Amino acid sequence: MAEEIAISDQPERHRYEITVDGALVGHADYLPRDGFLIFTHTEVDKAYGGRGLAGRLAAFALDDVRARGLRLAAQCPYIAKYVDTHPAYADLLVD
């Protein structure tokens, strides 16, 4: 049976969350600012490591930033590296 993976923005917590079969396994934290989000930390439970979940979480978050007409500042090393290795998101970075 396939696992159910869900990703959502939790604005009241200032983070995107990823769940596997309903269990919270990771999050990407941000600070909302006028017109952009500052990503500060991304984490996936070690028990779920090596499965590409952090990448899926990052892609979802960055796609959502774009869809909302926002930009981002990548203080989080993972998000910064993700943008660097996925240049289609480079236009989202604030100067």
Foldseek 3Di string as FASTA:
>chain_A
DDWDWDWDDDVVQQWIFIDTNPHTFWIFHWDDDVQEIETAEIDGHPVPPPPCPSVVRLVVVLVVCVVVRGAYHYNYPVNVVSCVVVVVSVVRHDD
